[in-house]
N, C-alpha and C. Protein backbone atom coordinates (compact mmCIF):
# COMPACT_ATOMS: atom_id res chain seq x y z
N MET A 1 -11.25 17.02 4.60
CA MET A 1 -9.53 16.93 3.35
C MET A 1 -9.16 16.31 3.43
N GLU A 2 -8.26 16.23 2.27
CA GLU A 2 -8.30 14.60 1.63
C GLU A 2 -6.38 14.88 2.62
N ASN A 3 -5.89 14.15 3.06
CA ASN A 3 -4.35 13.01 3.64
C ASN A 3 -3.53 13.05 2.39
N ILE A 4 -2.64 13.23 2.85
CA ILE A 4 -1.73 13.39 2.01
C ILE A 4 -0.10 13.74 2.61
N VAL A 5 0.60 12.08 2.96
CA VAL A 5 1.92 11.84 3.93
C VAL A 5 3.20 12.59 2.27
N VAL A 6 3.75 13.59 2.86
CA VAL A 6 5.53 13.67 2.99
C VAL A 6 6.94 13.09 3.35
N GLY A 7 7.15 12.51 3.52
CA GLY A 7 8.79 12.34 3.73
C GLY A 7 9.39 13.34 3.27
N ILE A 8 10.36 13.17 3.96
CA ILE A 8 11.86 14.16 3.62
C ILE A 8 12.73 13.15 3.67
N THR A 9 13.34 13.23 2.84
CA THR A 9 14.76 12.22 3.52
C THR A 9 15.83 13.01 3.23
N GLY A 10 17.61 12.19 2.98
CA GLY A 10 18.28 13.02 3.62
C GLY A 10 19.75 12.81 1.94
N ALA A 11 18.41 12.97 0.70
CA ALA A 11 18.88 13.43 -0.36
C ALA A 11 19.16 14.31 -0.69
N SER A 12 20.68 14.55 -1.32
CA SER A 12 20.40 16.38 -1.65
C SER A 12 19.27 16.27 -2.57
N GLY A 13 19.17 18.21 -2.82
CA GLY A 13 17.57 18.72 -4.06
C GLY A 13 16.70 18.97 -1.81
N VAL A 14 16.18 19.80 -0.88
CA VAL A 14 14.85 19.14 -0.20
C VAL A 14 14.56 20.17 -0.70
N VAL A 15 14.91 22.16 -2.05
CA VAL A 15 14.51 22.05 -2.21
C VAL A 15 12.87 22.60 -2.61
N TYR A 16 13.10 20.62 -3.19
CA TYR A 16 11.84 19.95 -4.06
C TYR A 16 10.89 20.08 -2.89
N ALA A 17 10.97 19.75 -1.72
CA ALA A 17 10.49 18.93 -1.37
C ALA A 17 9.93 20.58 -0.05
N GLN A 18 10.51 21.15 0.21
CA GLN A 18 10.26 23.01 1.07
C GLN A 18 8.94 23.55 -1.03
N ARG A 19 9.78 23.29 -1.64
CA ARG A 19 8.47 24.33 -2.44
C ARG A 19 7.44 23.38 -2.47
N LEU A 20 6.97 21.91 -2.67
CA LEU A 20 6.03 21.12 -2.69
C LEU A 20 5.13 21.68 -1.30
N LEU A 21 5.79 21.69 -0.39
CA LEU A 21 4.79 22.12 0.86
C LEU A 21 4.41 23.51 0.23
N GLN A 22 5.44 24.12 0.14
CA GLN A 22 5.01 25.82 0.39
C GLN A 22 3.37 25.88 -0.64
N VAL A 23 3.70 25.01 -1.96
CA VAL A 23 2.20 24.95 -3.31
C VAL A 23 1.00 24.53 -1.86
N LEU A 24 1.42 22.93 -1.75
CA LEU A 24 0.35 21.83 -0.72
C LEU A 24 -0.03 22.76 0.05
N SER A 25 0.42 23.43 0.89
CA SER A 25 0.08 24.31 2.41
C SER A 25 -1.26 25.38 1.40
N LYS A 26 -1.42 25.72 0.46
CA LYS A 26 -2.19 26.64 0.35
C LYS A 26 -3.47 26.12 -0.40
N ASN A 27 -3.12 24.92 -0.77
CA ASN A 27 -4.89 24.20 -1.25
C ASN A 27 -5.55 23.28 0.29
N ASP A 28 -7.10 22.97 0.12
CA ASP A 28 -7.41 22.59 0.96
C ASP A 28 -7.03 21.08 0.99
N ILE A 29 -5.79 20.48 2.13
CA ILE A 29 -4.81 19.24 2.30
C ILE A 29 -4.75 19.31 3.57
N SER A 30 -4.51 18.12 4.21
CA SER A 30 -4.32 17.43 5.19
C SER A 30 -3.38 17.66 5.37
N LEU A 31 -1.73 17.68 5.94
CA LEU A 31 -0.40 17.03 5.29
C LEU A 31 -0.18 16.82 6.22
N HIS A 32 0.71 15.58 6.23
CA HIS A 32 1.16 14.63 7.33
C HIS A 32 2.76 14.78 6.96
N VAL A 33 3.62 15.08 8.04
CA VAL A 33 4.44 15.24 7.07
C VAL A 33 5.74 14.69 8.01
N SER A 34 6.65 14.12 7.38
CA SER A 34 7.95 13.74 8.49
C SER A 34 9.12 13.77 8.22
N ILE A 35 9.98 14.50 8.41
CA ILE A 35 11.75 14.18 8.18
C ILE A 35 12.46 13.75 8.68
N SER A 36 13.58 12.93 8.20
CA SER A 36 14.42 11.52 8.35
C SER A 36 16.11 12.73 9.39
N ASP A 37 16.30 12.21 9.81
CA ASP A 37 17.68 12.84 10.87
C ASP A 37 18.79 13.39 9.81
N ALA A 38 18.73 13.31 8.27
CA ALA A 38 19.90 12.32 7.82
C ALA A 38 19.50 14.16 6.98
N ALA A 39 17.86 14.59 6.32
CA ALA A 39 17.41 15.62 6.33
C ALA A 39 16.99 16.93 6.66
N LEU A 40 17.58 17.25 8.38
CA LEU A 40 17.84 17.85 8.94
C LEU A 40 19.01 18.15 8.57
N LYS A 41 19.98 17.18 8.31
CA LYS A 41 21.10 17.83 8.36
C LYS A 41 21.45 18.37 6.99
N VAL A 42 20.01 17.90 6.16
CA VAL A 42 21.06 18.42 4.33
C VAL A 42 19.77 19.83 4.52
N ILE A 43 18.78 19.73 5.24
CA ILE A 43 18.39 21.56 5.86
C ILE A 43 18.64 21.97 5.96
N HIS A 44 19.88 22.17 6.84
CA HIS A 44 20.82 22.48 7.25
C HIS A 44 21.84 23.30 6.64
N HIS A 45 22.45 22.61 5.85
CA HIS A 45 23.58 22.81 4.96
C HIS A 45 23.08 23.60 2.81
N GLU A 46 21.70 22.41 2.89
CA GLU A 46 21.37 23.57 1.67
C GLU A 46 20.57 24.75 1.92
N LEU A 47 19.54 24.62 3.02
CA LEU A 47 18.26 26.09 2.92
C LEU A 47 19.77 26.86 3.97
N GLY A 48 20.41 26.70 4.91
CA GLY A 48 20.48 27.30 5.49
C GLY A 48 19.40 27.58 6.91
N ILE A 49 18.65 26.47 7.63
CA ILE A 49 17.74 26.60 8.02
C ILE A 49 18.09 25.31 9.51
N ASP A 50 17.47 25.49 10.61
CA ASP A 50 18.22 25.13 11.71
C ASP A 50 16.49 23.80 11.80
N LEU A 51 16.11 23.39 12.02
CA LEU A 51 15.12 22.85 12.92
C LEU A 51 15.36 21.88 13.69
N PRO A 52 14.57 21.73 14.10
CA PRO A 52 14.84 21.00 15.70
C PRO A 52 13.44 19.92 15.74
N CYS A 53 14.78 18.31 16.16
CA CYS A 53 13.87 17.14 15.47
C CYS A 53 12.24 17.09 15.93
N GLU A 54 12.42 17.86 17.27
CA GLU A 54 11.35 17.49 17.96
C GLU A 54 10.17 18.11 17.17
N LYS A 55 10.55 19.49 17.66
CA LYS A 55 8.36 20.63 16.85
C LYS A 55 10.12 21.78 15.61
N PRO A 56 9.34 20.91 14.69
CA PRO A 56 9.67 21.97 13.09
C PRO A 56 9.39 23.08 12.85
N ASP A 57 9.04 24.44 13.05
CA ASP A 57 8.98 24.99 12.47
C ASP A 57 8.98 25.43 11.46
N PHE A 58 7.31 24.43 10.59
CA PHE A 58 7.50 24.59 9.21
C PHE A 58 7.02 26.32 8.41
N GLU A 59 6.80 27.00 9.40
CA GLU A 59 6.29 28.65 8.59
C GLU A 59 8.02 29.03 8.18
N ALA A 60 8.72 29.22 8.72
CA ALA A 60 10.41 29.43 8.84
C ALA A 60 10.59 28.38 7.75
N LEU A 61 10.59 27.27 7.90
CA LEU A 61 10.61 26.44 6.10
C LEU A 61 10.55 26.73 4.54
N LEU A 62 8.66 26.79 4.87
CA LEU A 62 8.30 27.74 3.89
C LEU A 62 8.25 29.04 3.70
N GLY A 63 8.56 29.61 4.56
CA GLY A 63 7.82 31.21 4.76
C GLY A 63 6.37 31.60 4.89
N CYS A 64 5.75 31.50 5.19
CA CYS A 64 4.51 31.17 4.33
C CYS A 64 3.77 30.57 5.25
N SER A 65 3.18 30.62 6.10
CA SER A 65 1.47 29.69 6.92
C SER A 65 1.70 28.43 7.47
N ALA A 66 1.81 27.80 7.96
CA ALA A 66 1.55 26.20 8.16
C ALA A 66 0.76 25.15 9.29
N ASN A 67 -0.96 26.09 9.00
CA ASN A 67 -1.40 25.31 9.96
C ASN A 67 -2.21 24.32 9.10
N ASN A 68 -1.71 23.06 7.99
CA ASN A 68 -2.49 22.48 7.71
C ASN A 68 -1.56 21.44 8.01
N ILE A 69 -0.26 21.23 8.42
CA ILE A 69 0.40 20.98 7.85
C ILE A 69 0.82 19.78 9.73
N THR A 70 0.94 18.56 9.72
CA THR A 70 0.95 17.85 10.58
C THR A 70 2.63 17.65 11.10
N TYR A 71 3.61 17.24 11.95
CA TYR A 71 4.74 16.16 11.94
C TYR A 71 4.56 15.83 13.08
N TYR A 72 5.35 14.24 12.70
CA TYR A 72 5.95 13.26 13.33
C TYR A 72 7.15 13.10 13.50
N ASN A 73 7.45 12.20 14.57
CA ASN A 73 9.07 12.68 14.46
C ASN A 73 9.17 10.93 13.97
N ASN A 74 10.17 11.00 13.08
CA ASN A 74 10.57 9.86 12.29
C ASN A 74 10.55 8.76 13.17
N SER A 75 10.82 8.81 14.30
CA SER A 75 11.63 7.77 15.20
C SER A 75 9.45 6.85 15.47
N ASN A 76 8.40 7.41 15.48
CA ASN A 76 7.94 6.96 15.74
C ASN A 76 7.13 6.12 14.92
N ILE A 77 7.30 5.01 14.97
CA ILE A 77 6.79 3.80 13.91
C ILE A 77 5.28 4.39 14.38
N SER A 78 4.92 4.04 15.01
CA SER A 78 3.27 3.93 15.64
C SER A 78 2.19 4.98 15.88
N ALA A 79 3.14 5.79 14.69
CA ALA A 79 2.52 7.18 14.32
C ALA A 79 0.74 6.96 14.01
N THR A 80 0.57 7.45 13.90
CA THR A 80 -1.86 7.48 13.51
C THR A 80 -1.15 7.13 12.09
N ILE A 81 -0.10 8.18 10.61
CA ILE A 81 0.05 7.48 10.06
C ILE A 81 0.30 6.75 8.93
N ALA A 82 0.73 5.68 10.09
CA ALA A 82 1.17 4.50 10.27
C ALA A 82 0.51 3.69 9.57
N GLY A 83 -1.48 3.35 10.19
CA GLY A 83 -1.73 2.13 10.32
C GLY A 83 -2.53 2.06 9.06
N SER A 84 -2.98 1.23 8.79
CA SER A 84 -3.47 0.79 7.62
C SER A 84 -5.02 1.29 6.83
N GLN A 85 -5.28 1.97 8.75
CA GLN A 85 -7.25 2.30 8.08
C GLN A 85 -7.19 3.81 7.51
N PHE A 86 -5.91 4.87 8.02
CA PHE A 86 -6.01 6.14 8.32
C PHE A 86 -6.24 6.42 6.56
N PRO A 87 -6.93 7.49 6.97
CA PRO A 87 -7.35 7.39 4.94
C PRO A 87 -6.65 8.62 4.07
N VAL A 88 -5.02 7.90 3.27
CA VAL A 88 -4.44 8.98 2.80
C VAL A 88 -4.36 8.83 1.79
N LYS A 89 -4.44 9.42 0.91
CA LYS A 89 -4.57 9.60 -0.93
C LYS A 89 -3.73 9.34 -1.33
N ALA A 90 -1.82 9.92 -0.46
CA ALA A 90 -1.17 9.36 -1.21
C ALA A 90 -0.20 9.99 -0.41
N MET A 91 1.58 9.49 -0.94
CA MET A 91 2.82 9.57 -0.95
C MET A 91 3.74 10.47 -1.10
N VAL A 92 3.99 11.35 -0.54
CA VAL A 92 5.20 11.80 -1.47
C VAL A 92 6.31 10.85 -0.58
N ILE A 93 7.81 11.04 -1.06
CA ILE A 93 9.47 10.99 -0.63
C ILE A 93 9.39 11.62 -1.44
N VAL A 94 10.54 12.96 -0.73
CA VAL A 94 10.97 14.25 -1.61
C VAL A 94 11.47 14.75 -0.95
N PRO A 95 13.35 15.04 -1.08
CA PRO A 95 13.48 13.85 -1.74
C PRO A 95 13.93 12.46 -1.32
N CYS A 96 13.88 11.78 -2.49
CA CYS A 96 14.12 10.26 -1.69
C CYS A 96 15.33 9.83 -1.77
N SER A 97 16.19 9.77 -0.12
CA SER A 97 17.40 8.64 -1.46
C SER A 97 17.28 8.03 -1.73
N MET A 98 18.59 6.68 -1.70
CA MET A 98 18.79 5.78 -2.33
C MET A 98 18.80 5.24 -0.99
N ASN A 99 19.32 5.43 0.07
CA ASN A 99 19.22 4.13 1.23
C ASN A 99 17.47 3.92 1.23
N THR A 100 16.72 5.14 1.94
CA THR A 100 15.18 4.99 1.47
C THR A 100 14.21 3.99 0.74
N LEU A 101 15.06 4.16 -0.44
CA LEU A 101 14.10 3.64 -2.03
C LEU A 101 14.88 1.92 -1.68
N CYS A 102 15.48 1.79 -1.51
CA CYS A 102 15.49 0.51 -1.41
C CYS A 102 15.72 -0.64 -0.58
N SER A 103 15.30 0.32 0.58
CA SER A 103 15.15 -0.31 1.55
C SER A 103 13.77 -0.76 1.99
N ILE A 104 12.63 0.75 1.18
CA ILE A 104 11.68 0.37 0.62
C ILE A 104 11.24 -0.99 -0.02
N ALA A 105 12.20 -1.15 -1.17
CA ALA A 105 11.56 -1.74 -2.10
C ALA A 105 12.07 -3.13 -0.99
N CYS A 106 13.07 -3.62 -0.57
CA CYS A 106 13.23 -4.87 0.06
C CYS A 106 11.98 -5.04 1.54
N GLY A 107 11.14 -4.31 1.42
CA GLY A 107 10.13 -3.86 2.33
C GLY A 107 11.01 -4.24 3.76
N ILE A 108 11.80 -3.24 4.00
CA ILE A 108 12.21 -2.97 4.94
C ILE A 108 11.50 -1.78 5.68
N ALA A 109 11.08 -1.76 7.36
CA ALA A 109 10.28 -0.07 7.47
C ALA A 109 10.96 0.08 8.81
N SER A 110 11.74 0.37 8.91
CA SER A 110 13.10 0.69 9.98
C SER A 110 12.85 2.27 10.68
N ASN A 111 11.50 2.92 9.99
CA ASN A 111 11.36 4.08 10.11
C ASN A 111 10.14 4.83 9.72
N LEU A 112 9.80 5.50 10.45
CA LEU A 112 8.17 5.91 9.82
C LEU A 112 7.78 5.91 8.76
N ILE A 113 8.58 7.27 7.61
CA ILE A 113 8.64 6.88 6.93
C ILE A 113 8.80 5.25 5.73
N GLN A 114 9.65 5.04 5.96
CA GLN A 114 9.32 3.22 5.85
C GLN A 114 8.18 3.22 5.61
N ARG A 115 7.71 2.75 7.25
CA ARG A 115 6.90 1.83 7.54
C ARG A 115 5.31 1.53 6.46
N VAL A 116 5.24 3.63 6.45
CA VAL A 116 4.32 4.38 5.93
C VAL A 116 4.29 4.53 4.08
N ALA A 117 5.30 3.72 3.95
CA ALA A 117 5.61 3.65 1.80
C ALA A 117 5.30 2.44 2.38
N ASN A 118 5.79 1.04 2.85
CA ASN A 118 5.64 -0.14 2.64
C ASN A 118 4.10 -0.32 2.55
N VAL A 119 3.11 -0.07 4.05
CA VAL A 119 1.88 0.20 3.97
C VAL A 119 1.24 1.08 2.39
N THR A 120 1.22 2.35 2.20
CA THR A 120 1.16 2.39 1.27
C THR A 120 1.30 1.48 -0.12
N ILE A 121 2.28 1.08 0.62
CA ILE A 121 2.12 0.04 -1.03
C ILE A 121 0.91 -1.53 -1.19
N LYS A 122 0.88 -1.64 0.37
CA LYS A 122 0.61 -3.20 0.40
C LYS A 122 -1.56 -1.79 0.25
N GLU A 123 -1.71 -1.33 0.87
CA GLU A 123 -2.87 -1.18 0.15
C GLU A 123 -3.75 -0.50 -0.51
N ARG A 124 -2.44 -0.64 -1.84
CA ARG A 124 -2.23 -0.26 -3.50
C ARG A 124 -2.94 1.48 -3.15
N ARG A 125 -2.03 2.14 -2.30
CA ARG A 125 -2.65 3.57 -3.00
C ARG A 125 -1.80 3.77 -3.27
N LYS A 126 -1.18 5.74 -3.60
CA LYS A 126 -0.28 6.21 -4.53
C LYS A 126 0.80 6.45 -3.67
N LEU A 127 2.00 5.79 -4.15
CA LEU A 127 3.11 6.67 -3.10
C LEU A 127 3.74 7.16 -4.63
N ILE A 128 4.44 7.99 -4.41
CA ILE A 128 5.48 8.75 -5.41
C ILE A 128 6.54 9.68 -5.17
N MET A 129 7.94 8.94 -6.10
CA MET A 129 9.27 9.03 -4.40
C MET A 129 10.30 9.73 -5.85
N VAL A 130 11.11 10.61 -5.50
CA VAL A 130 11.23 11.37 -5.76
C VAL A 130 13.26 11.16 -5.50
N PRO A 131 13.65 10.37 -6.61
CA PRO A 131 14.93 10.29 -5.85
C PRO A 131 16.09 10.97 -7.09
N ARG A 132 16.86 11.67 -6.20
CA ARG A 132 17.64 13.15 -6.73
C ARG A 132 19.86 12.17 -6.69
N GLU A 133 19.35 11.28 -7.78
CA GLU A 133 20.78 11.04 -7.66
C GLU A 133 21.60 10.49 -9.01
N THR A 134 22.94 10.56 -8.99
CA THR A 134 23.33 10.49 -10.43
C THR A 134 24.92 10.60 -10.59
N PRO A 135 25.54 8.64 -10.56
CA PRO A 135 24.42 8.03 -11.59
C PRO A 135 23.89 6.64 -10.54
N LEU A 136 22.99 6.02 -11.10
CA LEU A 136 22.50 5.25 -10.69
C LEU A 136 23.03 3.80 -10.91
N SER A 137 23.27 2.58 -9.84
CA SER A 137 23.93 1.75 -9.55
C SER A 137 22.74 0.27 -10.61
N SER A 138 23.76 -0.86 -10.83
CA SER A 138 22.28 -1.69 -10.48
C SER A 138 20.91 -1.49 -9.66
N ILE A 139 22.01 -1.67 -8.50
CA ILE A 139 20.71 -1.45 -7.69
C ILE A 139 19.66 -0.89 -8.03
N HIS A 140 20.30 -0.21 -7.22
CA HIS A 140 19.55 1.39 -7.83
C HIS A 140 18.69 1.27 -9.12
N LEU A 141 18.60 0.80 -9.60
CA LEU A 141 18.27 0.84 -10.47
C LEU A 141 17.04 -0.33 -11.20
N GLU A 142 17.27 -2.06 -10.09
CA GLU A 142 15.77 -3.06 -10.05
C GLU A 142 15.23 -2.75 -8.77
N SER A 143 16.17 -1.30 -8.10
CA SER A 143 15.52 -1.24 -7.21
C SER A 143 13.97 -0.27 -7.35
N MET A 144 14.27 0.88 -7.85
CA MET A 144 12.74 1.40 -8.77
C MET A 144 11.95 0.02 -9.37
N LEU A 145 12.84 -0.12 -10.61
CA LEU A 145 12.00 -1.53 -10.92
C LEU A 145 10.88 -2.67 -10.36
N LYS A 146 11.61 -3.03 -8.81
CA LYS A 146 10.62 -3.23 -8.29
C LYS A 146 9.82 -2.41 -7.39
N LEU A 147 9.77 -2.09 -6.85
CA LEU A 147 9.39 0.10 -6.87
C LEU A 147 7.39 -0.47 -7.71
N SER A 148 8.50 0.06 -9.38
CA SER A 148 7.70 0.34 -10.23
C SER A 148 6.42 -0.63 -10.45
N SER A 149 7.35 -1.49 -9.91
CA SER A 149 6.26 -4.02 -10.84
C SER A 149 4.71 -3.67 -9.84
N ALA A 150 5.23 -2.54 -8.23
CA ALA A 150 3.72 -2.85 -7.32
C ALA A 150 3.64 -1.12 -6.85
N GLY A 151 3.76 -0.86 -8.51
CA GLY A 151 2.84 0.31 -8.41
C GLY A 151 2.82 1.92 -8.05
N THR A 152 4.06 1.91 -7.79
CA THR A 152 4.67 2.77 -6.94
C THR A 152 5.23 3.83 -8.92
N CYS A 153 5.37 5.45 -8.28
CA CYS A 153 5.46 6.43 -9.88
C CYS A 153 7.30 6.47 -8.79
N ILE A 154 7.95 6.78 -10.00
CA ILE A 154 9.61 7.23 -10.01
C ILE A 154 9.27 8.13 -10.69
N LEU A 155 9.50 9.43 -9.83
CA LEU A 155 9.40 10.06 -11.06
C LEU A 155 11.40 10.90 -10.51
N PRO A 156 11.58 10.81 -10.91
CA PRO A 156 13.18 11.57 -10.58
C PRO A 156 13.30 13.01 -10.88
N ALA A 157 14.00 14.24 -9.99
CA ALA A 157 13.94 14.95 -9.77
C ALA A 157 15.47 15.55 -11.21
N MET A 158 14.15 15.04 -12.33
CA MET A 158 15.10 15.62 -13.30
C MET A 158 14.56 16.88 -14.37
N PRO A 159 14.66 18.27 -13.79
CA PRO A 159 14.12 19.06 -14.72
C PRO A 159 13.92 18.58 -15.83
N GLY A 160 13.63 19.78 -16.49
CA GLY A 160 12.94 19.79 -17.88
C GLY A 160 13.82 21.25 -17.95
N PHE A 161 13.52 20.97 -20.40
CA PHE A 161 14.02 22.82 -20.17
C PHE A 161 13.00 23.49 -21.71
N TYR A 162 12.22 22.82 -21.49
CA TYR A 162 11.61 22.81 -22.94
C TYR A 162 10.83 24.30 -22.65
N HIS A 163 10.38 24.82 -21.19
CA HIS A 163 10.30 25.83 -20.97
C HIS A 163 10.35 26.37 -20.34
N ASN A 164 11.94 26.81 -20.73
CA ASN A 164 12.38 28.25 -21.09
C ASN A 164 13.42 28.53 -19.69
N PRO A 165 13.97 27.72 -18.75
CA PRO A 165 13.30 28.10 -17.15
C PRO A 165 14.73 29.16 -16.82
N VAL A 166 15.04 30.63 -16.23
CA VAL A 166 15.45 30.72 -16.95
C VAL A 166 16.77 31.11 -15.07
N THR A 167 16.17 30.48 -14.18
CA THR A 167 15.89 30.60 -12.48
C THR A 167 16.10 28.80 -11.98
N ILE A 168 17.06 28.42 -10.87
CA ILE A 168 16.76 27.20 -10.09
C ILE A 168 15.65 27.34 -9.48
N ALA A 169 14.29 28.44 -9.61
CA ALA A 169 13.18 28.19 -9.04
C ALA A 169 12.38 28.00 -9.89
N ASP A 170 13.00 28.05 -10.68
CA ASP A 170 11.95 27.56 -12.96
C ASP A 170 11.95 25.50 -12.86
N GLN A 171 14.28 25.78 -12.15
CA GLN A 171 14.01 24.39 -12.97
C GLN A 171 13.03 23.17 -11.35
N VAL A 172 13.34 23.81 -9.64
CA VAL A 172 12.68 23.61 -9.85
C VAL A 172 10.69 23.75 -9.24
N ASP A 173 10.26 24.07 -9.73
CA ASP A 173 8.96 24.16 -9.97
C ASP A 173 8.38 23.03 -10.98
N PHE A 174 9.60 22.82 -12.38
CA PHE A 174 9.57 21.99 -13.26
C PHE A 174 8.63 20.34 -12.71
N VAL A 175 9.55 20.09 -11.19
CA VAL A 175 9.87 19.19 -10.84
C VAL A 175 8.97 19.20 -10.01
N VAL A 176 8.37 19.98 -8.95
CA VAL A 176 7.39 20.14 -8.14
C VAL A 176 5.74 20.01 -9.34
N ALA A 177 5.62 20.88 -10.56
CA ALA A 177 4.81 20.56 -11.18
C ALA A 177 4.85 19.18 -11.18
N LYS A 178 5.67 18.13 -11.84
CA LYS A 178 5.28 17.00 -11.81
C LYS A 178 3.81 16.41 -11.08
N ILE A 179 4.50 15.88 -9.29
CA ILE A 179 4.74 15.75 -8.80
C ILE A 179 3.53 15.97 -8.46
N LEU A 180 2.61 17.65 -8.37
CA LEU A 180 1.43 17.80 -8.64
C LEU A 180 0.46 17.54 -9.49
N ASP A 181 1.31 16.99 -11.06
CA ASP A 181 0.01 16.46 -12.04
C ASP A 181 -0.12 14.73 -11.57
N MET A 182 0.74 14.09 -10.76
CA MET A 182 0.83 12.95 -10.11
C MET A 182 -0.62 12.43 -8.92
N LEU A 183 -0.17 13.89 -8.53
CA LEU A 183 -1.29 13.81 -7.42
C LEU A 183 -2.87 14.31 -7.87
N GLY A 184 -2.83 14.69 -9.25
CA GLY A 184 -3.84 15.39 -9.53
C GLY A 184 -4.47 17.18 -9.09
N ILE A 185 -3.64 17.63 -9.10
CA ILE A 185 -3.54 19.06 -8.02
C ILE A 185 -3.50 20.26 -8.53
N LYS A 186 -4.40 20.35 -8.99
CA LYS A 186 -4.14 21.55 -10.56
C LYS A 186 -2.96 22.93 -10.59
N HIS A 187 -2.55 23.01 -10.59
CA HIS A 187 -1.36 24.71 -11.05
C HIS A 187 -0.90 25.57 -12.07
N SER A 188 -0.46 25.79 -11.67
CA SER A 188 0.45 27.30 -12.24
C SER A 188 1.17 27.20 -12.78
N LEU A 189 2.56 26.56 -12.30
CA LEU A 189 3.70 26.14 -12.39
C LEU A 189 4.52 26.10 -13.14
N ILE A 190 4.01 25.90 -14.77
CA ILE A 190 4.53 26.20 -16.11
C ILE A 190 3.84 25.82 -16.73
N PRO A 191 4.26 26.63 -17.09
CA PRO A 191 3.25 26.48 -18.93
C PRO A 191 3.13 24.86 -19.38
N ILE A 192 1.39 24.74 -19.78
CA ILE A 192 1.46 23.58 -20.44
C ILE A 192 1.49 24.37 -21.86
N TRP A 193 2.31 22.58 -22.09
CA TRP A 193 3.42 22.80 -23.54
C TRP A 193 1.92 22.07 -24.73
N GLN A 194 2.01 23.07 -25.24
CA GLN A 194 0.95 23.63 -26.12
C GLN A 194 1.63 22.78 -27.68
N GLY A 195 3.02 22.61 -28.03
CA GLY A 195 2.83 21.45 -29.23
C GLY A 195 2.92 22.77 -29.96
N GLU A 196 3.49 22.54 -31.31
CA GLU A 196 4.21 23.04 -32.83
C GLU A 196 2.07 22.79 -33.34
N ASN A 197 1.91 24.03 -34.23
CA ASN A 197 1.42 24.35 -35.41
C ASN A 197 1.34 23.21 -36.24
N ASP A 198 0.77 22.20 -36.41
CA ASP A 198 1.76 21.56 -37.75
C ASP A 198 0.17 21.03 -38.22
N GLU A 199 -0.61 21.63 -38.74
CA GLU A 199 -1.74 22.10 -39.57
C GLU A 199 -1.75 22.55 -40.77
N THR A 200 -1.93 21.98 -41.78
CA THR A 200 -1.66 22.61 -43.36
C THR A 200 -3.74 22.53 -43.60
N LYS A 201 -3.17 24.03 -45.28
CA LYS A 201 -4.87 24.55 -44.26
C LYS A 201 -4.80 24.22 -46.48
């Protein structure tokens, strides 16, 4: 199975991470997940779920089986996934806090999520960051440009409306669908845009 690392940091919007893991857990993928301390607090506040930092209950978080998920404490910077020889297809940081984004842009690796992200960049692997912040300062934008120039995909949590969303879940699925597209994983979360038939006969 291919390995995908998911880092969950302390920005608002942990529902994006929850939904992404729900979808990925149903695929033939080995998931490697790390959650920052701040993210655990956001999960409690936004989802009403208490997850112990040492051994989170992913079935409680996802509401489904989580047999293909391996968890790593974010303080364990010597974890297997931090090694450059660990075969990672891609890493997704969702939601990505500005602290995490700017730290990685500066080459800082003070925790496992940051360390794996730095390794992912230097090994020229796919790194997808999903920031959810507004407004953005010049510092944020410059950091995003630096990361994008290094090959990182900056995928802001900006749901579209052309698919006529009705619920919050529809808007969440839009962003998660974009992440899956970047990962090259097929899905049916949102309809494919067909465009308008402008052919003349």
